[in-house]
PDB file of N, CA and C in Angstrom:
ATOM      1  N   MET A   1     -10.690  27.737  14.911  1.00  0.00           N
ATOM      2  CA  MET A   1     -10.441  26.325  14.688  1.00  0.00           C
ATOM      3  C   MET A   1     -11.774  25.587  14.666  1.00  0.00           C
ATOM      4  N   ILE A   2     -11.868  24.641  13.768  1.00  0.00           N
ATOM      5  CA  ILE A   2     -13.033  23.768  13.710  1.00  0.00           C
ATOM      6  C   ILE A   2     -12.614  22.394  14.187  1.00  0.00           C
ATOM      7  N   TYR A   3     -13.386  21.800  15.061  1.00  0.00           N
ATOM      8  CA  TYR A   3     -13.072  20.476  15.589  1.00  0.00           C
ATOM      9  C   TYR A   3     -13.823  19.422  14.762  1.00  0.00           C
ATOM     10  N   ILE A   4     -13.052  18.564  14.095  1.00  0.00           N
ATOM     11  CA  ILE A   4     -13.644  17.540  13.240  1.00  0.00           C
ATOM     12  C   ILE A   4     -14.635  16.675  14.013  1.00  0.00           C
ATOM     13  N   GLU A   5     -14.303  16.333  15.233  1.00  0.00           N
ATOM     14  CA  GLU A   5     -15.163  15.442  16.005  1.00  0.00           C
ATOM     15  C   GLU A   5     -16.510  16.072  16.344  1.00  0.00           C
ATOM     16  N   ASP A   6     -16.619  17.386  16.211  1.00  0.00           N
ATOM     17  CA  ASP A   6     -17.882  18.077  16.483  1.00  0.00           C
ATOM     18  C   ASP A   6     -18.718  18.295  15.226  1.00  0.00           C
ATOM     19  N   LEU A   7     -18.177  18.004  14.057  1.00  0.00           N
ATOM     20  CA  LEU A   7     -18.915  18.232  12.810  1.00  0.00           C
ATOM     21  C   LEU A   7     -20.073  17.255  12.684  1.00  0.00           C
ATOM     22  N   ILE A   8     -21.171  17.782  12.139  1.00  0.00           N
ATOM     23  CA  ILE A   8     -22.349  16.957  11.866  1.00  0.00           C
ATOM     24  C   ILE A   8     -22.766  17.182  10.413  1.00  0.00           C
ATOM     25  N   LYS A   9     -23.628  16.322   9.926  1.00  0.00           N
ATOM     26  CA  LYS A   9     -24.076  16.389   8.529  1.00  0.00           C
ATOM     27  C   LYS A   9     -24.574  17.787   8.151  1.00  0.00           C
ATOM     28  N   GLU A  10     -25.235  18.459   9.068  1.00  0.00           N
ATOM     29  CA  GLU A  10     -25.788  19.783   8.803  1.00  0.00           C
ATOM     30  C   GLU A  10     -24.719  20.855   8.610  1.00  0.00           C
ATOM     31  N   ASP A  11     -23.456  20.561   8.951  1.00  0.00           N
ATOM     32  CA  ASP A  11     -22.369  21.514   8.740  1.00  0.00           C
ATOM     33  C   ASP A  11     -21.931  21.572   7.271  1.00  0.00           C
ATOM     34  N   ILE A  12     -22.288  20.576   6.492  1.00  0.00           N
ATOM     35  CA  ILE A  12     -21.950  20.576   5.077  1.00  0.00           C
ATOM     36  C   ILE A  12     -22.623  21.781   4.427  1.00  0.00           C
ATOM     37  N   GLY A  13     -21.833  22.561   3.714  1.00  0.00           N
ATOM     38  CA  GLY A  13     -22.337  23.748   3.058  1.00  0.00           C
ATOM     39  C   GLY A  13     -22.143  25.031   3.851  1.00  0.00           C
ATOM     40  N   ARG A  14     -21.734  24.910   5.106  1.00  0.00           N
ATOM     41  CA  ARG A  14     -21.493  26.128   5.890  1.00  0.00           C
ATOM     42  C   ARG A  14     -20.277  26.862   5.338  1.00  0.00           C
ATOM     43  N   TYR A  15     -20.301  28.162   5.491  1.00  0.00           N
ATOM     44  CA  TYR A  15     -19.213  29.007   5.030  1.00  0.00           C
ATOM     45  C   TYR A  15     -18.092  29.035   6.051  1.00  0.00           C
ATOM     46  N   VAL A  16     -16.855  29.056   5.560  1.00  0.00           N
ATOM     47  CA  VAL A  16     -15.686  29.072   6.421  1.00  0.00           C
ATOM     48  C   VAL A  16     -14.692  30.117   5.918  1.00  0.00           C
ATOM     49  N   ILE A  17     -13.782  30.485   6.806  1.00  0.00           N
ATOM     50  CA  ILE A  17     -12.640  31.329   6.473  1.00  0.00           C
ATOM     51  C   ILE A  17     -11.386  30.533   6.790  1.00  0.00           C
ATOM     52  N   TYR A  18     -10.496  30.441   5.808  1.00  0.00           N
ATOM     53  CA  TYR A  18      -9.175  29.834   5.991  1.00  0.00           C
ATOM     54  C   TYR A  18      -8.200  30.964   6.304  1.00  0.00           C
ATOM     55  N   THR A  19      -7.390  30.777   7.345  1.00  0.00           N
ATOM     56  CA  THR A  19      -6.346  31.736   7.689  1.00  0.00           C
ATOM     57  C   THR A  19      -5.034  30.968   7.824  1.00  0.00           C
ATOM     58  N   ASP A  20      -3.987  31.451   7.156  1.00  0.00           N
ATOM     59  CA  ASP A  20      -2.707  30.745   7.199  1.00  0.00           C
ATOM     60  C   ASP A  20      -1.813  31.165   8.360  1.00  0.00           C
ATOM     61  N   GLY A  21      -2.326  31.992   9.260  1.00  0.00           N
ATOM     62  CA  GLY A  21      -1.530  32.438  10.401  1.00  0.00           C
ATOM     63  C   GLY A  21      -0.813  33.740  10.135  1.00  0.00           C
ATOM     64  N   LEU A  22      -0.758  34.156   8.898  1.00  0.00           N
ATOM     65  CA  LEU A  22      -0.172  35.448   8.544  1.00  0.00           C
ATOM     66  C   LEU A  22      -1.327  36.412   8.299  1.00  0.00           C
ATOM     67  N   LYS A  23      -1.360  37.024   7.142  1.00  0.00           N
ATOM     68  CA  LYS A  23      -2.475  37.915   6.827  1.00  0.00           C
ATOM     69  C   LYS A  23      -3.297  37.401   5.669  1.00  0.00           C
ATOM     70  N   ASN A  24      -3.033  36.172   5.242  1.00  0.00           N
ATOM     71  CA  ASN A  24      -3.751  35.615   4.101  1.00  0.00           C
ATOM     72  C   ASN A  24      -5.004  34.892   4.576  1.00  0.00           C
ATOM     73  N   GLU A  25      -6.132  35.257   3.975  1.00  0.00           N
ATOM     74  CA  GLU A  25      -7.400  34.628   4.305  1.00  0.00           C
ATOM     75  C   GLU A  25      -8.142  34.299   3.026  1.00  0.00           C
ATOM     76  N   GLU A  26      -8.915  33.218   3.073  1.00  0.00           N
ATOM     77  CA  GLU A  26      -9.701  32.820   1.914  1.00  0.00           C
ATOM     78  C   GLU A  26     -11.039  32.268   2.394  1.00  0.00           C
ATOM     79  N   GLN A  27     -12.083  32.606   1.657  1.00  0.00           N
ATOM     80  CA  GLN A  27     -13.431  32.172   2.007  1.00  0.00           C
ATOM     81  C   GLN A  27     -13.805  30.933   1.201  1.00  0.00           C
ATOM     82  N   GLY A  28     -14.607  30.060   1.791  1.00  0.00           N
ATOM     83  CA  GLY A  28     -15.052  28.858   1.083  1.00  0.00           C
ATOM     84  C   GLY A  28     -16.258  28.237   1.760  1.00  0.00           C
ATOM     85  N   ARG A  29     -16.651  27.064   1.235  1.00  0.00           N
ATOM     86  CA  ARG A  29     -17.769  26.306   1.820  1.00  0.00           C
ATOM     87  C   ARG A  29     -17.303  24.898   2.141  1.00  0.00           C
ATOM     88  N   LEU A  30     -17.704  24.426   3.302  1.00  0.00           N
ATOM     89  CA  LEU A  30     -17.341  23.093   3.759  1.00  0.00           C
ATOM     90  C   LEU A  30     -18.075  22.053   2.908  1.00  0.00           C
ATOM     91  N   LYS A  31     -17.300  21.144   2.328  1.00  0.00           N
ATOM     92  CA  LYS A  31     -17.880  20.114   1.464  1.00  0.00           C
ATOM     93  C   LYS A  31     -17.955  18.750   2.155  1.00  0.00           C
ATOM     94  N   SER A  32     -16.877  18.373   2.856  1.00  0.00           N
ATOM     95  CA  SER A  32     -16.833  17.075   3.539  1.00  0.00           C
ATOM     96  C   SER A  32     -15.629  17.070   4.481  1.00  0.00           C
ATOM     97  N   TRP A  33     -15.429  15.932   5.140  1.00  0.00           N
ATOM     98  CA  TRP A  33     -14.275  15.788   6.031  1.00  0.00           C
ATOM     99  C   TRP A  33     -13.984  14.315   6.234  1.00  0.00           C
ATOM    100  N   ASN A  34     -12.764  14.065   6.742  1.00  0.00           N
ATOM    101  CA  ASN A  34     -12.390  12.730   7.197  1.00  0.00           C
ATOM    102  C   ASN A  34     -11.778  12.900   8.578  1.00  0.00           C
ATOM    103  N   ASP A  35     -11.017  11.946   9.059  1.00  0.00           N
ATOM    104  CA  ASP A  35     -10.486  12.038  10.425  1.00  0.00           C
ATOM    105  C   ASP A  35      -9.319  13.011  10.564  1.00  0.00           C
ATOM    106  N   LYS A  36      -8.804  13.564   9.434  1.00  0.00           N
ATOM    107  CA  LYS A  36      -7.664  14.470   9.479  1.00  0.00           C
ATOM    108  C   LYS A  36      -7.916  15.816   8.812  1.00  0.00           C
ATOM    109  N   TRP A  37      -8.671  15.844   7.739  1.00  0.00           N
ATOM    110  CA  TRP A  37      -8.851  17.033   6.903  1.00  0.00           C
ATOM    111  C   TRP A  37     -10.307  17.444   6.782  1.00  0.00           C
ATOM    112  N   ILE A  38     -10.497  18.731   6.573  1.00  0.00           N
ATOM    113  CA  ILE A  38     -11.792  19.252   6.165  1.00  0.00           C
ATOM    114  C   ILE A  38     -11.636  19.685   4.715  1.00  0.00           C
ATOM    115  N   PHE A  39     -12.551  19.244   3.864  1.00  0.00           N
ATOM    116  CA  PHE A  39     -12.481  19.563   2.442  1.00  0.00           C
ATOM    117  C   PHE A  39     -13.372  20.771   2.169  1.00  0.00           C
ATOM    118  N   VAL A  40     -12.745  21.813   1.643  1.00  0.00           N
ATOM    119  CA  VAL A  40     -13.407  23.099   1.448  1.00  0.00           C
ATOM    120  C   VAL A  40     -13.333  23.494  -0.020  1.00  0.00           C
ATOM    121  N   VAL A  41     -14.449  23.951  -0.566  1.00  0.00           N
ATOM    122  CA  VAL A  41     -14.474  24.505  -1.919  1.00  0.00           C
ATOM    123  C   VAL A  41     -14.190  25.998  -1.770  1.00  0.00           C
ATOM    124  N   TYR A  42     -13.068  26.437  -2.380  1.00  0.00           N
ATOM    125  CA  TYR A  42     -12.685  27.841  -2.315  1.00  0.00           C
ATOM    126  C   TYR A  42     -13.024  28.585  -3.602  1.00  0.00           C
ATOM    127  N   HIS A  43     -12.999  27.892  -4.709  1.00  0.00           N
ATOM    128  CA  HIS A  43     -13.254  28.543  -6.002  1.00  0.00           C
ATOM    129  C   HIS A  43     -14.284  27.725  -6.755  1.00  0.00           C
ATOM    130  N   CYS A  44     -15.329  28.392  -7.170  1.00  0.00           N
ATOM    131  CA  CYS A  44     -16.361  27.678  -7.919  1.00  0.00           C
ATOM    132  C   CYS A  44     -17.006  28.599  -8.957  1.00  0.00           C
ATOM    133  N   ALA A  45     -16.207  29.459  -9.548  1.00  0.00           N
ATOM    134  CA  ALA A  45     -16.674  30.375 -10.588  1.00  0.00           C
ATOM    135  C   ALA A  45     -17.885  31.184 -10.117  1.00  0.00           C
ATOM    136  N   ASP A  46     -17.901  31.523  -8.828  1.00  0.00           N
ATOM    137  CA  ASP A  46     -18.985  32.297  -8.227  1.00  0.00           C
ATOM    138  C   ASP A  46     -20.336  31.587  -8.334  1.00  0.00           C
ATOM    139  N   ASP A  47     -20.294  30.273  -8.409  1.00  0.00           N
ATOM    140  CA  ASP A  47     -21.507  29.435  -8.508  1.00  0.00           C
ATOM    141  C   ASP A  47     -21.718  28.736  -7.171  1.00  0.00           C
ATOM    142  N   TRP A  48     -21.892  29.524  -6.106  1.00  0.00           N
ATOM    143  CA  TRP A  48     -21.919  28.989  -4.753  1.00  0.00           C
ATOM    144  C   TRP A  48     -23.104  28.079  -4.483  1.00  0.00           C
ATOM    145  N   ASP A  49     -24.176  28.226  -5.233  1.00  0.00           N
ATOM    146  CA  ASP A  49     -25.319  27.324  -5.042  1.00  0.00           C
ATOM    147  C   ASP A  49     -24.989  25.904  -5.487  1.00  0.00           C
ATOM    148  N   ASN A  50     -23.991  25.757  -6.341  1.00  0.00           N
ATOM    149  CA  ASN A  50     -23.582  24.432  -6.847  1.00  0.00           C
ATOM    150  C   ASN A  50     -22.156  24.082  -6.413  1.00  0.00           C
ATOM    151  N   TYR A  51     -21.738  24.581  -5.251  1.00  0.00           N
ATOM    152  CA  TYR A  51     -20.371  24.351  -4.793  1.00  0.00           C
ATOM    153  C   TYR A  51     -20.009  22.863  -4.733  1.00  0.00           C
ATOM    154  N   GLN A  52     -20.979  21.985  -4.509  1.00  0.00           N
ATOM    155  CA  GLN A  52     -20.669  20.564  -4.384  1.00  0.00           C
ATOM    156  C   GLN A  52     -20.221  19.942  -5.708  1.00  0.00           C
ATOM    157  N   ASP A  53     -20.429  20.643  -6.800  1.00  0.00           N
ATOM    158  CA  ASP A  53     -19.957  20.165  -8.097  1.00  0.00           C
ATOM    159  C   ASP A  53     -18.470  20.443  -8.313  1.00  0.00           C
ATOM    160  N   TYR A  54     -17.842  21.108  -7.361  1.00  0.00           N
ATOM    161  CA  TYR A  54     -16.437  21.513  -7.479  1.00  0.00           C
ATOM    162  C   TYR A  54     -15.577  20.722  -6.486  1.00  0.00           C
ATOM    163  N   THR A  55     -14.296  20.672  -6.771  1.00  0.00           N
ATOM    164  CA  THR A  55     -13.354  19.920  -5.944  1.00  0.00           C
ATOM    165  C   THR A  55     -13.066  20.682  -4.652  1.00  0.00           C
ATOM    166  N   GLY A  56     -13.123  19.965  -3.529  1.00  0.00           N
ATOM    167  CA  GLY A  56     -12.764  20.536  -2.241  1.00  0.00           C
ATOM    168  C   GLY A  56     -11.293  20.329  -1.966  1.00  0.00           C
ATOM    169  N   ALA A  57     -10.666  21.342  -1.379  1.00  0.00           N
ATOM    170  CA  ALA A  57      -9.258  21.271  -1.017  1.00  0.00           C
ATOM    171  C   ALA A  57      -9.112  20.789   0.411  1.00  0.00           C
ATOM    172  N   ALA A  58      -8.220  19.823   0.646  1.00  0.00           N
ATOM    173  CA  ALA A  58      -7.947  19.332   1.994  1.00  0.00           C
ATOM    174  C   ALA A  58      -7.340  20.470   2.805  1.00  0.00           C
ATOM    175  N   THR A  59      -7.973  20.797   3.916  1.00  0.00           N
ATOM    176  CA  THR A  59      -7.557  21.943   4.729  1.00  0.00           C
ATOM    177  C   THR A  59      -7.425  21.513   6.179  1.00  0.00           C
ATOM    178  N   ASP A  60      -6.365  21.990   6.830  1.00  0.00           N
ATOM    179  CA  ASP A  60      -6.137  21.703   8.241  1.00  0.00           C
ATOM    180  C   ASP A  60      -7.236  22.395   9.061  1.00  0.00           C
ATOM    181  N   PRO A  61      -7.966  21.658   9.899  1.00  0.00           N
ATOM    182  CA  PRO A  61      -9.038  22.240  10.694  1.00  0.00           C
ATOM    183  C   PRO A  61      -8.568  23.380  11.599  1.00  0.00           C
ATOM    184  N   ASN A  62      -7.281  23.373  11.965  1.00  0.00           N
ATOM    185  CA  ASN A  62      -6.733  24.440  12.806  1.00  0.00           C
ATOM    186  C   ASN A  62      -6.751  25.789  12.104  1.00  0.00           C
ATOM    187  N   ASP A  63      -6.828  25.768  10.774  1.00  0.00           N
ATOM    188  CA  ASP A  63      -6.771  26.991   9.980  1.00  0.00           C
ATOM    189  C   ASP A  63      -8.136  27.497   9.547  1.00  0.00           C
ATOM    190  N   LEU A  64      -9.209  26.927  10.075  1.00  0.00           N
ATOM    191  CA  LEU A  64     -10.562  27.265   9.642  1.00  0.00           C
ATOM    192  C   LEU A  64     -11.416  27.814  10.779  1.00  0.00           C
ATOM    193  N   LYS A  65     -12.328  28.718  10.409  1.00  0.00           N
ATOM    194  CA  LYS A  65     -13.388  29.207  11.300  1.00  0.00           C
ATOM    195  C   LYS A  65     -14.670  29.261  10.488  1.00  0.00           C
ATOM    196  N   PHE A  66     -15.802  29.021  11.161  1.00  0.00           N
ATOM    197  CA  PHE A  66     -17.097  29.169  10.513  1.00  0.00           C
ATOM    198  C   PHE A  66     -17.428  30.662  10.390  1.00  0.00           C
ATOM    199  N   VAL A  67     -18.142  31.014   9.313  1.00  0.00           N
ATOM    200  CA  VAL A  67     -18.677  32.367   9.138  1.00  0.00           C
ATOM    201  C   VAL A  67     -20.105  32.244   8.621  1.00  0.00           C
ATOM    202  N   GLU A  68     -20.880  33.284   8.816  1.00  0.00           N
ATOM    203  CA  GLU A  68     -22.254  33.331   8.316  1.00  0.00           C
ATOM    204  C   GLU A  68     -22.458  34.648   7.585  1.00  0.00           C
ATOM    205  N   PRO A  69     -23.018  34.599   6.370  1.00  0.00           N
ATOM    206  CA  PRO A  69     -23.342  35.868   5.701  1.00  0.00           C
ATOM    207  C   PRO A  69     -24.414  36.604   6.500  1.00  0.00           C
ATOM    208  N   LYS A  70     -24.383  37.911   6.452  1.00  0.00           N
ATOM    209  CA  LYS A  70     -25.423  38.698   7.109  1.00  0.00           C
ATOM    210  C   LYS A  70     -26.727  38.496   6.359  1.00  0.00           C
ATOM    211  N   PRO A  71     -27.851  38.578   7.041  1.00  0.00           N
ATOM    212  CA  PRO A  71     -29.152  38.363   6.385  1.00  0.00           C
ATOM    213  C   PRO A  71     -29.323  39.256   5.150  1.00  0.00           C
ATOM    214  N   GLY A  72     -29.803  38.660   4.072  1.00  0.00           N
ATOM    215  CA  GLY A  72     -30.059  39.391   2.854  1.00  0.00           C
ATOM    216  C   GLY A  72     -28.858  39.584   1.953  1.00  0.00           C
ATOM    217  N   GLU A  73     -27.676  39.120   2.371  1.00  0.00           N
ATOM    218  CA  GLU A  73     -26.480  39.282   1.555  1.00  0.00           C
ATOM    219  C   GLU A  73     -26.143  37.968   0.855  1.00  0.00           C
ATOM    220  N   ASN A  74     -25.692  38.069  -0.361  1.00  0.00           N
ATOM    221  CA  ASN A  74     -25.205  36.910  -1.099  1.00  0.00           C
ATOM    222  C   ASN A  74     -23.723  36.759  -0.822  1.00  0.00           C
ATOM    223  N   TRP A  75     -23.290  35.535  -0.658  1.00  0.00           N
ATOM    224  CA  TRP A  75     -21.889  35.269  -0.364  1.00  0.00           C
ATOM    225  C   TRP A  75     -21.123  35.123  -1.652  1.00  0.00           C
ATOM    226  N   LYS A  76     -20.070  35.904  -1.815  1.00  0.00           N
ATOM    227  CA  LYS A  76     -19.238  35.823  -3.015  1.00  0.00           C
ATOM    228  C   LYS A  76     -17.778  35.972  -2.611  1.00  0.00           C
ATOM    229  N   THR A  77     -16.885  35.456  -3.423  1.00  0.00           N
ATOM    230  CA  THR A  77     -15.466  35.482  -3.078  1.00  0.00           C
ATOM    231  C   THR A  77     -14.920  36.887  -2.960  1.00  0.00           C
ATOM    232  N   GLU A  78     -15.471  37.847  -3.669  1.00  0.00           N
ATOM    233  CA  GLU A  78     -14.919  39.193  -3.603  1.00  0.00           C
ATOM    234  C   GLU A  78     -15.437  39.993  -2.430  1.00  0.00           C
ATOM    235  N   ASP A  79     -16.409  39.448  -1.678  1.00  0.00           N
ATOM    236  CA  ASP A  79     -16.917  40.156  -0.514  1.00  0.00           C
ATOM    237  C   ASP A  79     -15.800  40.334   0.513  1.00  0.00           C
ATOM    238  N   LYS A  80     -15.845  41.420   1.198  1.00  0.00           N
ATOM    239  CA  LYS A  80     -14.849  41.705   2.232  1.00  0.00           C
ATOM    240  C   LYS A  80     -15.181  40.918   3.487  1.00  0.00           C
ATOM    241  N   LEU A  81     -14.166  40.566   4.252  1.00  0.00           N
ATOM    242  CA  LEU A  81     -14.369  39.802   5.476  1.00  0.00           C
ATOM    243  C   LEU A  81     -15.217  40.554   6.489  1.00  0.00           C
ATOM    244  N   ASN A  82     -15.175  41.872   6.483  1.00  0.00           N
ATOM    245  CA  ASN A  82     -15.952  42.616   7.474  1.00  0.00           C
ATOM    246  C   ASN A  82     -17.449  42.555   7.202  1.00  0.00           C
ATOM    247  N   ARG A  83     -17.867  41.904   6.120  1.00  0.00           N
ATOM    248  CA  ARG A  83     -19.279  41.733   5.831  1.00  0.00           C
ATOM    249  C   ARG A  83     -19.813  40.453   6.471  1.00  0.00           C
ATOM    250  N   PHE A  84     -18.981  39.759   7.228  1.00  0.00           N
ATOM    251  CA  PHE A  84     -19.385  38.501   7.838  1.00  0.00           C
ATOM    252  C   PHE A  84     -19.138  38.543   9.332  1.00  0.00           C
ATOM    253  N   ASP A  85     -19.909  37.771  10.037  1.00  0.00           N
ATOM    254  CA  ASP A  85     -19.691  37.616  11.476  1.00  0.00           C
ATOM    255  C   ASP A  85     -18.918  36.328  11.676  1.00  0.00           C
ATOM    256  N   ILE A  86     -17.696  36.431  12.180  1.00  0.00           N
ATOM    257  CA  ILE A  86     -16.891  35.249  12.433  1.00  0.00           C
ATOM    258  C   ILE A  86     -17.342  34.617  13.742  1.00  0.00           C
ATOM    259  N   LEU A  87     -17.612  33.330  13.666  1.00  0.00           N
ATOM    260  CA  LEU A  87     -18.049  32.593  14.849  1.00  0.00           C
ATOM    261  C   LEU A  87     -16.887  31.830  15.436  1.00  0.00           C
ATOM    262  N   ASP A  88     -16.565  32.082  16.668  1.00  0.00           N
ATOM    263  CA  ASP A  88     -15.514  31.333  17.361  1.00  0.00           C
ATOM    264  C   ASP A  88     -16.131  30.132  18.020  1.00  0.00           C
ATOM    265  N   LEU A  89     -16.064  29.000  17.346  1.00  0.00           N
ATOM    266  CA  LEU A  89     -16.655  27.765  17.881  1.00  0.00           C
ATOM    267  C   LEU A  89     -15.580  26.851  18.394  1.00  0.00           C
TER     268      LEU A  89
END
């Protein structure tokens, strides 16, 4: 879970994992937030350096966790989740 009240400007662009509580997971980048939703870019034609040019989907913060790519790895949608370290914040 990500707490909206703890987000800071530097969190924009961080990688996240969305989990629906079942077995469905999706990777994305945090674009913005308001007092209820975190807006995440999930699909950007594998153009992750320009993710801010794409529409962010309103996502419940309860369904998100931060992730970080391992050093030297490029982040892509087809990467497996085990290639990332999930941070429980």
